[in-house]
Amino acid sequence: MAVEHIKINKIGEAKPVKIGLLNARGLRHVVRISYNSVEICQALARENIVYLAYPDNVEAVRLEYIHRRIFRVIREFEQKTGRKVLCNKPYSGTEVIKDYGEEHLKTGALIVYTSADSVFQIAAHESIVPPELLYDYCRIARKILCGKNGVGRVIARPFTGEYPFTRTPRRHDFSIDPPSVTMCDLIKKAGQSCISVGKIYDIFAGRGITESNPMKGNDDGMDITLKKQGEDFEGLCFTNLVDFDMLYGHRQDVDGYAAAYAESALSPVSIFLAMRQYS
């Protein structure tokens, strides 16, 4: 079943668009309302189906009420971090640091933005906000963005260098707890290993993961995966190669994606040759 997504670009305007399924998160049907960086949503359980929905129905939403909710969330975030917010609207991750990076360097204000996903992303230059401090700010946002203001992930987006700036591999995701039992939970409950490589641990908020292996890029992730493939364990090694998404997928860079695939250790042959017969 497709997901109905109501993106509100400005007060008085709402346009429904279709987005992908969220089955990996245990969600079957979602009605979601987003405005700027914050997605106003509420979990409702009906017939074993999890909904993310605004109270009553979408057509009855009062846009002024949403605007006030957004304002309160951003204001609380600014108060608890002691820093102002820049941007606060949907944006490309690479473009937002180009457009707001220099103002961030001058003021120390945090760059907050969202995308088509249920995310609250916080970007900061590492010379102004060291990664560990940025992670603390994300933890603050994570506590705010739950319940009636629930957002799927809060994401730290550190960057460095001079204009147009460069995002670093020290991204970190702070996910909301999965709303229902996941495959990872079932594997762990069965007494088997569920090994995370890359940001899988973050995506599932650590739930059901028996071992976490951070990675620095696709090549590092595949090296870890192939190493794990050579070990004896029962269960699943769950790998997320984020470069394909972060560097090429979001930018719709088909040629870059294909070149990265061809150059990586992701060759089906290398995976197949490392496999052993299960007995």
Protein backbone atom coordinates (compact mmCIF):
# COMPACT_ATOMS: atom_id res chain seq x y z
CA MET A 1 0.00 0.00 0.00
CA ALA A 2 1.37 3.41 -0.93
CA VAL A 3 1.93 6.14 1.61
CA GLU A 4 0.02 9.39 1.41
CA HIS A 5 2.34 12.28 2.22
CA ILE A 6 0.98 15.78 2.71
CA LYS A 7 3.84 18.28 2.37
CA ILE A 8 2.87 21.77 3.44
CA ASN A 9 5.13 24.27 1.69
CA LYS A 10 3.51 27.36 3.18
CA ILE A 11 0.49 28.32 5.18
CA GLY A 12 -2.65 27.75 3.13
CA GLU A 13 -1.09 25.31 0.67
CA ALA A 14 -1.06 21.52 0.85
CA LYS A 15 -0.28 19.06 -1.91
CA PRO A 16 -0.46 15.25 -1.57
CA VAL A 17 2.33 13.19 -3.10
CA LYS A 18 3.20 9.48 -2.97
CA ILE A 19 6.28 8.20 -1.19
CA GLY A 20 7.64 4.69 -0.64
CA LEU A 21 6.61 2.04 1.83
CA LEU A 22 8.13 1.90 5.28
CA ASN A 23 7.83 -1.85 5.80
CA ALA A 24 11.35 -2.05 7.21
CA ARG A 25 10.13 -0.03 10.16
CA GLY A 26 7.07 -2.24 10.65
CA LEU A 27 4.75 0.41 9.18
CA ARG A 28 2.02 -0.60 6.75
CA HIS A 29 0.04 2.53 6.04
CA VAL A 30 1.11 6.04 6.89
CA VAL A 31 -0.52 9.40 6.68
CA ARG A 32 2.12 12.00 7.44
CA ILE A 33 2.06 15.75 7.58
CA SER A 34 5.27 17.72 7.30
CA TYR A 35 6.04 21.39 7.60
CA ASN A 36 9.59 22.71 7.44
CA SER A 37 11.98 20.61 9.55
CA VAL A 38 9.44 19.02 11.83
CA GLU A 39 7.00 16.29 10.89
CA ILE A 40 3.95 16.46 13.13
CA CYS A 41 2.75 12.94 13.66
CA GLN A 42 1.12 10.66 16.19
CA ALA A 43 1.17 6.87 16.47
CA LEU A 44 -2.19 5.11 16.56
CA ALA A 45 -2.66 1.34 16.80
CA ARG A 46 -5.63 -0.01 14.84
CA GLU A 47 -6.11 -3.69 13.99
CA ASN A 48 -2.41 -4.43 14.48
CA ILE A 49 -1.52 -1.76 11.93
CA VAL A 50 0.63 1.19 12.96
CA TYR A 51 -0.45 4.57 11.63
CA LEU A 52 1.39 7.84 11.76
CA ALA A 53 -1.46 10.29 11.55
CA TYR A 54 -2.55 13.71 12.56
CA PRO A 55 -5.50 13.70 15.01
CA ASP A 56 -8.93 13.50 13.31
CA ASN A 57 -8.35 13.58 9.54
CA VAL A 58 -5.94 15.28 7.18
CA GLU A 59 -8.53 17.52 5.51
CA ALA A 60 -9.49 18.98 8.90
CA VAL A 61 -5.96 20.04 9.85
CA ARG A 62 -5.71 23.66 10.82
CA LEU A 63 -2.48 24.96 9.34
CA GLU A 64 -2.13 27.69 11.95
CA TYR A 65 -2.09 25.00 14.65
CA ILE A 66 0.70 23.12 12.85
CA HIS A 67 2.68 26.34 12.52
CA ARG A 68 2.41 26.97 16.27
CA ARG A 69 3.55 23.41 17.00
CA ILE A 70 6.57 23.85 14.72
CA PHE A 71 7.44 27.15 16.38
CA ARG A 72 7.27 25.60 19.85
CA VAL A 73 9.51 22.69 18.86
CA ILE A 74 12.16 24.91 17.27
CA ARG A 75 12.01 27.36 20.17
CA GLU A 76 12.47 24.54 22.71
CA PHE A 77 15.40 23.18 20.69
CA GLU A 78 17.05 26.62 20.59
CA GLN A 79 16.52 27.13 24.32
CA LYS A 80 17.97 23.74 25.29
CA THR A 81 21.00 23.96 22.99
CA GLY A 82 21.65 27.67 23.53
CA ARG A 83 21.99 28.14 19.77
CA LYS A 84 19.75 29.70 17.13
CA VAL A 85 18.50 27.75 14.10
CA LEU A 86 19.15 28.51 10.42
CA CYS A 87 17.18 27.27 7.38
CA ASN A 88 14.41 25.09 8.91
CA LYS A 89 12.98 23.79 5.63
CA PRO A 90 13.41 20.91 3.13
CA TYR A 91 16.84 21.06 1.50
CA SER A 92 19.56 19.05 -0.24
CA GLY A 93 22.26 18.13 2.26
CA THR A 94 25.07 19.37 0.03
CA GLU A 95 23.27 22.54 -1.04
CA VAL A 96 22.23 23.53 2.47
CA ILE A 97 25.82 23.80 3.71
CA LYS A 98 26.70 25.86 0.61
CA ASP A 99 23.83 28.26 1.21
CA TYR A 100 24.01 28.51 5.00
CA GLY A 101 27.56 27.38 5.86
CA GLU A 102 29.15 30.82 5.92
CA GLU A 103 26.35 32.30 8.05
CA HIS A 104 26.76 29.34 10.40
CA LEU A 105 30.50 30.09 10.70
CA LYS A 106 29.78 33.72 11.54
CA THR A 107 26.93 33.17 14.02
CA GLY A 108 27.37 29.64 15.40
CA ALA A 109 23.68 28.98 14.66
CA LEU A 110 22.81 25.37 13.79
CA ILE A 111 21.66 24.47 10.27
CA VAL A 112 18.42 22.49 10.61
CA TYR A 113 16.68 20.97 7.59
CA THR A 114 14.61 17.99 6.44
CA SER A 115 13.98 15.90 3.32
CA ALA A 116 11.23 13.66 1.89
CA ASP A 117 11.92 11.24 4.76
CA SER A 118 10.82 11.68 8.36
CA VAL A 119 14.07 13.33 9.49
CA PHE A 120 15.35 16.31 11.50
CA GLN A 121 18.91 16.94 10.27
CA ILE A 122 21.40 19.17 12.08
CA ALA A 123 24.50 20.34 10.21
CA ALA A 124 27.47 22.09 11.81
CA HIS A 125 31.10 22.81 10.91
CA GLU A 126 33.47 20.74 13.02
CA SER A 127 35.54 23.83 13.91
CA ILE A 128 32.44 25.48 15.41
CA VAL A 129 30.64 22.45 16.85
CA PRO A 130 32.84 19.36 17.42
CA PRO A 131 31.08 16.09 16.45
CA GLU A 132 30.56 14.92 20.05
CA LEU A 133 28.84 18.21 20.91
CA LEU A 134 26.73 17.92 17.75
CA TYR A 135 25.69 14.43 18.89
CA ASP A 136 24.63 15.93 22.24
CA TYR A 137 22.46 18.45 20.38
CA CYS A 138 20.93 15.56 18.42
CA ARG A 139 20.13 13.75 21.66
CA ILE A 140 18.34 16.88 22.85
CA ALA A 141 16.33 16.99 19.61
CA ARG A 142 15.59 13.27 19.89
CA LYS A 143 13.94 13.79 23.29
CA ILE A 144 11.84 16.65 21.91
CA LEU A 145 10.80 14.87 18.70
CA CYS A 146 8.77 12.01 20.13
CA GLY A 147 5.14 11.37 20.97
CA LYS A 148 2.89 13.88 19.20
CA ASN A 149 5.95 15.48 17.59
CA GLY A 150 7.53 12.16 16.61
CA VAL A 151 10.12 12.14 13.81
CA GLY A 152 11.75 8.96 12.51
CA ARG A 153 15.39 10.04 12.74
CA VAL A 154 17.46 12.92 14.05
CA ILE A 155 20.68 13.04 12.03
CA ALA A 156 23.99 14.72 12.85
CA ARG A 157 25.57 16.12 9.67
CA PRO A 158 29.07 17.43 10.46
CA PHE A 159 31.00 19.20 7.70
CA THR A 160 34.42 20.77 7.34
CA GLY A 161 36.68 22.85 5.09
CA GLU A 162 35.94 26.09 3.27
CA TYR A 163 33.14 27.03 0.87
CA PRO A 164 31.47 25.01 -0.68
CA PHE A 165 32.38 22.78 2.31
CA THR A 166 32.59 18.98 2.58
CA ARG A 167 30.47 16.61 4.65
CA THR A 168 32.50 14.25 6.82
CA PRO A 169 31.92 10.53 7.46
CA ARG A 170 31.06 11.30 11.10
CA ARG A 171 27.33 11.37 10.41
CA HIS A 172 25.28 9.76 13.18
CA ASP A 173 21.59 8.79 13.21
CA PHE A 174 19.41 8.88 16.31
CA SER A 175 16.28 6.87 15.50
CA ILE A 176 12.95 6.66 17.20
CA ASP A 177 12.31 3.18 18.61
CA PRO A 178 10.71 0.88 16.01
CA PRO A 179 6.95 0.85 16.65
CA SER A 180 6.66 -2.93 16.43
CA VAL A 181 8.73 -6.11 16.45
CA THR A 182 11.37 -6.18 13.70
CA MET A 183 13.30 -8.94 12.00
CA CYS A 184 16.31 -8.01 14.15
CA ASP A 185 14.27 -8.52 17.33
CA LEU A 186 13.14 -11.97 16.17
CA ILE A 187 16.67 -13.06 15.24
CA LYS A 188 18.05 -12.00 18.61
CA LYS A 189 15.12 -13.61 20.45
CA ALA A 190 15.91 -16.88 18.66
CA GLY A 191 19.39 -16.77 20.20
CA GLN A 192 21.14 -15.97 16.92
CA SER A 193 23.49 -13.15 15.97
CA CYS A 194 22.27 -9.97 14.32
CA ILE A 195 25.43 -8.15 13.28
CA SER A 196 25.23 -4.54 12.16
CA VAL A 197 27.71 -3.02 9.69
CA GLY A 198 27.34 0.72 9.08
CA LYS A 199 24.32 2.68 10.28
CA ILE A 200 21.97 -0.31 10.72
CA TYR A 201 22.45 -0.04 14.50
CA ASP A 202 21.39 3.62 14.38
CA ILE A 203 18.41 3.01 12.09
CA PHE A 204 16.92 0.44 14.49
CA ALA A 205 17.93 2.44 17.60
CA GLY A 206 20.08 -0.54 18.63
CA ARG A 207 17.03 -2.80 19.00
CA GLY A 208 17.73 -6.46 18.22
CA ILE A 209 21.39 -5.83 17.34
CA THR A 210 23.92 -8.15 19.00
CA GLU A 211 27.07 -6.58 17.53
CA SER A 212 27.68 -3.16 15.98
CA ASN A 213 30.48 -2.31 13.53
CA PRO A 214 30.74 1.36 12.49
CA MET A 215 32.30 2.00 9.10
CA LYS A 216 34.10 4.87 7.34
CA GLY A 217 32.80 4.28 3.82
CA ASN A 218 31.68 1.63 1.35
CA ASP A 219 35.08 -0.04 1.01
CA ASP A 220 35.51 -0.23 4.77
CA GLY A 221 31.97 -1.58 5.10
CA MET A 222 32.58 -4.33 2.56
CA ASP A 223 35.90 -5.26 4.19
CA ILE A 224 34.07 -5.69 7.50
CA THR A 225 31.26 -7.65 5.83
CA LEU A 226 33.64 -10.05 4.07
CA LYS A 227 35.55 -10.51 7.33
CA LYS A 228 32.32 -11.37 9.13
CA GLN A 229 31.39 -13.73 6.33
CA GLY A 230 34.52 -15.71 7.11
CA GLU A 231 33.55 -16.10 10.79
CA ASP A 232 31.35 -18.79 12.28
CA PHE A 233 27.99 -17.44 13.43
CA GLU A 234 24.31 -18.21 13.04
CA GLY A 235 22.04 -15.36 12.15
CA LEU A 236 22.35 -12.26 9.99
CA CYS A 237 25.09 -9.81 9.03
CA PHE A 238 23.13 -6.69 8.09
CA THR A 239 25.18 -4.14 6.09
CA ASN A 240 24.27 -0.64 4.97
CA LEU A 241 26.63 0.90 2.41
CA VAL A 242 25.67 4.51 2.95
CA ASP A 243 27.92 6.02 0.26
CA PHE A 244 25.59 4.74 -2.47
CA ASP A 245 22.73 6.69 -0.91
CA MET A 246 24.58 9.70 0.50
CA LEU A 247 26.96 10.43 -2.38
CA TYR A 248 24.98 9.24 -5.41
CA GLY A 249 21.39 8.23 -4.69
CA HIS A 250 20.15 11.52 -3.22
CA ARG A 251 21.87 13.42 -6.03
CA GLN A 252 20.43 11.07 -8.69
CA ASP A 253 23.97 10.55 -9.99
CA VAL A 254 23.46 7.37 -12.01
CA ASP A 255 26.96 7.35 -13.52
CA GLY A 256 28.60 7.93 -10.13
CA TYR A 257 26.52 5.18 -8.56
CA ALA A 258 27.45 2.73 -11.34
CA ALA A 259 31.15 3.61 -11.13
CA ALA A 260 31.18 3.20 -7.34
CA TYR A 261 29.45 -0.17 -7.67
CA ALA A 262 31.97 -1.34 -10.28
CA GLU A 263 34.93 -0.24 -8.17
CA SER A 264 33.70 -1.64 -4.88
CA ALA A 265 34.13 -5.09 -3.38
CA LEU A 266 30.39 -5.56 -3.75
CA SER A 267 30.87 -7.80 -6.77
CA PRO A 268 28.45 -10.74 -6.55
CA VAL A 269 31.40 -12.95 -7.42
CA SER A 270 33.37 -11.92 -4.31
CA ILE A 271 30.32 -12.49 -2.11
CA PHE A 272 29.54 -15.83 -3.74
CA LEU A 273 33.11 -17.12 -3.51
CA ALA A 274 33.21 -16.33 0.21
CA MET A 275 30.03 -18.30 0.88
CA ARG A 276 30.11 -21.71 2.52
CA GLN A 277 27.52 -24.44 2.46
CA TYR A 278 25.28 -24.48 5.53
CA SER A 279 25.02 -27.88 7.20
